[in-house]
Protein backbone atom coordinates (compact mmCIF):
# COMPACT_ATOMS: atom_id res chain seq x y z
CA UNK A 1 13.51 -30.61 1.44
CA UNK A 2 10.29 -31.75 3.09
CA UNK A 3 7.13 -32.23 1.05
CA UNK A 4 3.78 -31.26 2.54
CA UNK A 5 0.89 -31.90 0.18
CA UNK A 6 -1.50 -34.14 2.08
CA UNK A 7 -5.15 -33.65 1.32
CA UNK A 8 -7.31 -33.19 4.39
CA UNK A 9 -10.02 -35.63 3.35
CA UNK A 10 -12.60 -32.87 3.22
CA UNK A 11 -13.29 -31.57 -0.30
CA UNK A 12 -14.52 -28.19 0.88
CA UNK A 13 -12.28 -25.13 1.33
CA UNK A 14 -13.01 -25.19 5.07
CA UNK A 15 -11.18 -28.54 5.22
CA UNK A 16 -7.78 -27.09 4.33
CA UNK A 17 -5.23 -27.79 7.03
CA UNK A 18 -1.49 -27.46 7.47
CA UNK A 19 0.38 -26.91 4.23
CA UNK A 20 -2.44 -28.12 1.97
CA UNK A 21 -2.94 -25.47 -0.74
CA UNK A 22 -6.29 -26.84 -1.88
CA UNK A 23 -5.27 -28.23 -5.26
CA UNK A 24 -3.12 -31.13 -6.50
CA UNK A 25 -1.37 -28.74 -8.89
CA UNK A 26 0.43 -26.78 -6.16
CA UNK A 27 2.68 -28.07 -3.45
CA UNK A 28 4.36 -26.41 -0.52
CA UNK A 29 7.85 -27.70 0.20
CA UNK A 30 9.80 -26.71 3.30
CA UNK A 31 13.55 -26.24 3.25
CA UNK A 32 14.44 -25.15 6.75
CA UNK A 33 13.03 -21.63 7.21
CA UNK A 34 12.30 -21.32 3.47
CA UNK A 35 9.05 -22.45 1.86
CA UNK A 36 8.73 -23.20 -1.84
CA UNK A 37 5.37 -22.91 -3.59
CA UNK A 38 5.74 -25.02 -6.73
CA UNK A 39 3.27 -24.78 -9.62
CA UNK A 40 3.04 -28.21 -11.25
CA UNK A 41 0.34 -28.65 -13.88
CA UNK A 42 2.42 -29.82 -16.86
CA UNK A 43 -0.48 -31.16 -18.92
CA UNK A 44 -1.86 -27.62 -19.17
CA UNK A 45 1.48 -25.77 -19.23
CA UNK A 46 0.89 -24.56 -15.65
CA UNK A 47 -2.26 -22.59 -16.52
CA UNK A 48 -3.73 -21.36 -13.26
CA UNK A 49 -7.18 -22.50 -12.22
CA UNK A 50 -9.11 -20.39 -9.72
CA UNK A 51 -8.16 -22.89 -6.99
CA UNK A 52 -4.50 -22.53 -7.96
CA UNK A 53 -4.68 -18.73 -7.74
CA UNK A 54 -6.23 -19.09 -4.31
CA UNK A 55 -3.64 -21.71 -3.34
CA UNK A 56 -0.76 -19.35 -4.11
CA UNK A 57 -2.48 -16.73 -2.00
CA UNK A 58 -2.85 -19.31 0.77
CA UNK A 59 0.86 -20.15 0.55
CA UNK A 60 1.63 -16.50 1.38
CA UNK A 61 -0.67 -16.74 4.41
CA UNK A 62 0.82 -20.07 5.57
CA UNK A 63 4.32 -18.60 5.57
CA UNK A 64 3.29 -15.41 7.36
CA UNK A 65 1.48 -17.31 10.10
CA UNK A 66 4.23 -19.85 10.77
CA UNK A 67 7.01 -18.66 13.08
CA UNK A 68 9.32 -21.39 11.76
CA UNK A 69 9.19 -19.99 8.22
CA UNK A 70 10.98 -16.83 7.12
CA UNK A 71 10.33 -16.48 3.37
CA UNK A 72 8.40 -17.87 0.41
CA UNK A 73 9.83 -18.69 -3.02
CA UNK A 74 7.39 -19.24 -5.89
CA UNK A 75 8.43 -21.20 -8.97
CA UNK A 76 7.12 -23.40 -11.76
CA UNK A 77 8.13 -26.68 -13.33
CA UNK A 78 9.97 -27.55 -16.56
CA UNK A 79 10.16 -24.53 -18.89
CA UNK A 80 7.02 -22.74 -17.65
CA UNK A 81 6.62 -20.41 -14.69
CA UNK A 82 2.95 -19.49 -15.15
CA UNK A 83 1.05 -18.45 -18.31
CA UNK A 84 -1.81 -16.87 -16.37
CA UNK A 85 -5.32 -18.09 -15.81
CA UNK A 86 -6.99 -21.17 -17.28
CA UNK A 87 -9.11 -19.76 -20.13
CA UNK A 88 -10.42 -23.00 -21.61
CA UNK A 89 -12.94 -23.72 -18.87
CA UNK A 90 -11.02 -26.82 -17.77
CA UNK A 91 -10.68 -26.76 -13.99
CA UNK A 92 -10.22 -30.32 -12.67
CA UNK A 93 -9.61 -28.95 -9.17
CA UNK A 94 -12.71 -26.76 -9.09
CA UNK A 95 -14.17 -26.09 -5.65
CA UNK A 96 -17.83 -26.89 -6.28
CA UNK A 97 -18.95 -24.95 -3.22
CA UNK A 98 -17.60 -21.77 -4.82
CA UNK A 99 -18.41 -21.87 -8.55
CA UNK A 100 -17.65 -18.15 -9.01
CA UNK A 101 -14.36 -18.04 -7.12
CA UNK A 102 -12.47 -16.81 -10.18
CA UNK A 103 -13.23 -13.23 -9.14
CA UNK A 104 -10.29 -11.08 -8.14
CA UNK A 105 -10.83 -11.93 -4.48
CA UNK A 106 -9.14 -15.30 -5.10
CA UNK A 107 -5.96 -13.91 -6.61
CA UNK A 108 -2.66 -13.60 -4.71
CA UNK A 109 -1.46 -10.29 -6.16
CA UNK A 110 -2.20 -7.97 -3.25
CA UNK A 111 -1.27 -10.64 -0.71
CA UNK A 112 2.19 -10.82 -2.28
CA UNK A 113 2.42 -7.03 -2.50
CA UNK A 114 1.70 -6.56 1.21
CA UNK A 115 3.29 -9.73 2.62
CA UNK A 116 5.29 -8.96 5.79
CA UNK A 117 7.62 -11.87 5.03
CA UNK A 118 9.69 -11.89 1.84
CA UNK A 119 8.25 -13.36 -1.34
CA UNK A 120 10.72 -14.16 -4.13
CA UNK A 121 9.81 -15.50 -7.57
CA UNK A 122 12.13 -17.98 -9.28
CA UNK A 123 10.97 -17.43 -12.85
CA UNK A 124 12.12 -20.63 -14.51
CA UNK A 125 10.27 -20.19 -17.81
CA UNK A 126 7.55 -18.36 -19.72
CA UNK A 127 5.54 -15.92 -17.60
CA UNK A 128 2.34 -14.33 -18.85
CA UNK A 129 -0.79 -12.70 -17.54
CA UNK A 130 -1.33 -13.40 -13.86
CA UNK A 131 1.96 -15.29 -13.72
CA UNK A 132 3.88 -12.21 -14.79
CA UNK A 133 2.02 -10.09 -12.22
CA UNK A 134 3.02 -12.55 -9.48
CA UNK A 135 6.66 -12.19 -10.53
CA UNK A 136 6.49 -8.39 -10.76
CA UNK A 137 4.85 -7.97 -7.35
CA UNK A 138 7.32 -10.25 -5.58
CA UNK A 139 9.99 -8.52 -3.54
CA UNK A 140 12.56 -9.78 -6.06
CA UNK A 141 12.11 -11.89 -9.18
CA UNK A 142 15.05 -13.96 -10.39
CA UNK A 143 14.54 -14.68 -14.09
CA UNK A 144 16.14 -17.21 -16.40
CA UNK A 145 17.83 -15.68 -19.44
CA UNK A 146 15.70 -17.68 -21.90
CA UNK A 147 12.43 -16.51 -20.31
CA UNK A 148 9.90 -14.50 -22.29
CA UNK A 149 7.06 -12.48 -20.74
CA UNK A 150 3.79 -11.16 -22.08
CA UNK A 151 0.61 -9.41 -20.94
CA UNK A 152 -2.03 -10.67 -23.43
CA UNK A 153 -5.12 -9.65 -21.46
CA UNK A 154 -6.53 -7.24 -24.05
CA UNK A 155 -6.24 -9.97 -26.67
CA UNK A 156 -8.60 -11.99 -24.45
CA UNK A 157 -11.08 -9.17 -23.85
CA UNK A 158 -9.94 -8.65 -20.25
CA UNK A 159 -9.82 -5.10 -18.90
CA UNK A 160 -6.97 -5.77 -16.47
CA UNK A 161 -6.86 -2.69 -14.28
CA UNK A 162 -4.14 -4.30 -12.18
CA UNK A 163 -1.75 -4.23 -15.11
CA UNK A 164 -2.91 -0.69 -15.90
CA UNK A 165 -1.78 0.37 -12.43
CA UNK A 166 1.30 -1.79 -11.92
CA UNK A 167 3.04 -1.83 -15.27
CA UNK A 168 3.43 1.95 -15.92
CA UNK A 169 4.84 2.37 -12.40
CA UNK A 170 7.31 -0.45 -12.97
CA UNK A 171 8.54 0.15 -16.53
CA UNK A 172 7.19 3.55 -17.59
CA UNK A 173 4.10 4.68 -19.47
CA UNK A 174 5.35 4.27 -23.05
CA UNK A 175 6.60 0.73 -22.50
CA UNK A 176 3.45 -0.22 -20.58
CA UNK A 177 1.31 1.04 -23.44
CA UNK A 178 3.39 -0.95 -25.92
CA UNK A 179 3.12 -4.19 -23.93
CA UNK A 180 -0.54 -3.92 -23.00
CA UNK A 181 -1.98 -2.52 -26.24
CA UNK A 182 -0.12 -4.90 -28.55
CA UNK A 183 0.25 -7.98 -26.34
CA UNK A 184 3.84 -8.28 -27.54
CA UNK A 185 6.34 -10.78 -26.16
CA UNK A 186 9.36 -9.37 -24.31
CA UNK A 187 12.66 -11.17 -23.63
CA UNK A 188 14.17 -11.46 -20.16
CA UNK A 189 17.08 -9.14 -20.99
CA UNK A 190 14.77 -6.57 -22.54
CA UNK A 191 12.52 -6.73 -19.45
CA UNK A 192 15.58 -6.28 -17.22
CA UNK A 193 16.69 -3.22 -19.17
CA UNK A 194 13.19 -1.76 -18.74
CA UNK A 195 13.26 -2.24 -14.94
CA UNK A 196 10.63 -4.98 -14.89
CA UNK A 197 13.14 -7.30 -13.21
CA UNK A 198 16.47 -6.74 -11.48
CA UNK A 199 18.14 -10.13 -11.85
CA UNK A 200 18.49 -12.23 -15.01
CA UNK A 201 20.69 -15.31 -14.64
CA UNK A 202 21.48 -18.48 -16.61
CA UNK A 203 18.49 -20.81 -16.60
CA UNK A 204 20.21 -23.45 -14.48
CA UNK A 205 21.00 -20.88 -11.77
CA UNK A 206 17.49 -19.55 -11.22
CA UNK A 207 16.53 -21.64 -8.19
CA UNK A 208 19.83 -21.28 -6.37
CA UNK A 209 19.97 -17.53 -6.99
CA UNK A 210 16.37 -17.16 -5.78
CA UNK A 211 17.32 -19.06 -2.62
CA UNK A 212 20.29 -16.75 -2.05
CA UNK A 213 18.13 -13.66 -2.59
CA UNK A 214 15.53 -14.90 -0.10
CA UNK A 215 18.23 -15.53 2.50
CA UNK A 216 19.71 -12.07 1.91
CA UNK A 217 16.33 -10.42 2.44
CA UNK A 218 15.82 -12.45 5.63
CA UNK A 219 18.99 -10.91 7.05
CA UNK A 220 17.36 -7.46 7.11
CA UNK A 221 15.33 -6.16 10.07
CA UNK A 222 11.72 -7.40 9.62
CA UNK A 223 9.75 -4.40 10.91
CA UNK A 224 12.00 -1.80 9.28
CA UNK A 225 11.90 -3.82 6.04
CA UNK A 226 8.10 -3.93 6.09
CA UNK A 227 7.87 -0.13 6.31
CA UNK A 228 10.32 0.35 3.45
CA UNK A 229 8.43 -2.22 1.37
CA UNK A 230 5.12 -0.49 2.05
CA UNK A 231 6.44 2.89 0.93
CA UNK A 232 7.98 1.41 -2.23
CA UNK A 233 4.80 -0.46 -3.14
CA UNK A 234 2.67 2.64 -2.63
CA UNK A 235 4.25 3.88 -5.86
CA UNK A 236 1.94 1.51 -7.74
CA UNK A 237 -1.13 3.43 -6.63
CA UNK A 238 -4.61 1.97 -6.32
CA UNK A 239 -6.01 -0.77 -8.54
CA UNK A 240 -9.51 -0.04 -9.89
CA UNK A 241 -11.15 -3.24 -8.72
CA UNK A 242 -14.68 -1.98 -9.40
CA UNK A 243 -14.03 -1.64 -13.12
CA UNK A 244 -12.17 -4.93 -13.40
CA UNK A 245 -14.85 -6.86 -11.53
CA UNK A 246 -17.55 -5.27 -13.71
CA UNK A 247 -15.78 -6.37 -16.90
CA UNK A 248 -14.72 -9.86 -15.77
CA UNK A 249 -17.71 -11.52 -17.44
CA UNK A 250 -18.31 -8.99 -20.21
CA UNK A 251 -19.27 -9.98 -23.75
CA UNK A 252 -15.72 -9.20 -24.91
CA UNK A 253 -14.17 -11.43 -22.27
CA UNK A 254 -16.56 -14.26 -23.11
CA UNK A 255 -15.67 -13.98 -26.79
CA UNK A 256 -11.95 -13.56 -26.08
CA UNK A 257 -11.70 -16.61 -23.86
CA UNK A 258 -13.90 -18.67 -26.20
CA UNK A 259 -11.66 -17.75 -29.12
CA UNK A 260 -8.60 -18.77 -27.11
CA UNK A 261 -10.15 -22.14 -26.28
CA UNK A 262 -11.13 -22.65 -29.93
CA UNK A 263 -7.67 -21.60 -31.17
CA UNK A 264 -8.96 -18.78 -33.33
CA UNK A 265 -9.01 -14.98 -33.35
CA UNK A 266 -11.80 -13.09 -31.59
CA UNK A 267 -14.57 -11.74 -33.82
CA UNK A 268 -13.56 -8.13 -33.12
CA UNK A 269 -10.39 -8.52 -35.20
CA UNK A 270 -11.02 -6.86 -38.60
CA UNK A 271 -11.23 -9.42 -41.38
CA UNK A 272 -8.28 -7.88 -43.21
CA UNK A 273 -6.05 -8.37 -40.14
CA UNK A 274 -6.87 -12.00 -39.40
CA UNK A 275 -4.17 -14.64 -39.65
CA UNK A 276 -6.22 -17.74 -38.84
CA UNK A 277 -4.21 -18.37 -35.66
CA UNK A 278 -4.91 -17.92 -31.98
CA UNK A 279 -3.61 -14.62 -30.66
């Protein structure tokens, strides 16, 4: 497996070249015609900075533009896949030229959804928030049996209209309501039974199974596959970006993310229901 993670020497986004994903917390590794995008920010449990979101999106573009690559596999390190976005305001890889890059334009969700080349997620550990969306929107997600998933956006004051569109189409309205309105944690086997994922395997088989799945997809006819994928993904419908963008920096989101950083409950939680712990 060949590592490609050299920085270009230019700190601006326009300086990105080759397989550089623009952040030290992501690396692109080539294994023949397969590319692995590996999330590696262990000190922060793989929380995604805005640059990391953009870097995953860039990995999709790198693979699609390179004739020597046939598929992308996304995975995390240790026992974490991705817990979603960095909510504590700690972004050591921040692109200073773009202080407001966190907007939805930097996220990889739609790039994964429409990628002509296969994107497989090897979900090696906990997946939440944006990390869970990346797994769900991949062509196939291979999930370790000890994995738990969660969509805690409403606990953070985030009106995630992507989840509101994707999750009911994937697992049904009642289950989507349950997950989104309570922020509950769901096990891998429960998520499989709901149709969120199709493959749950022993933890130590996640990477190899993801590799096999990517190879299997690559054996199908590319143009015919793209049309079938497009029709399947149209079942999700449109994401209301206008509403989500309008609420990204709302008073509720500011309070929700501040409460998360301060390890407390947001002030909208009724006094009688408070536990004294971060939600």
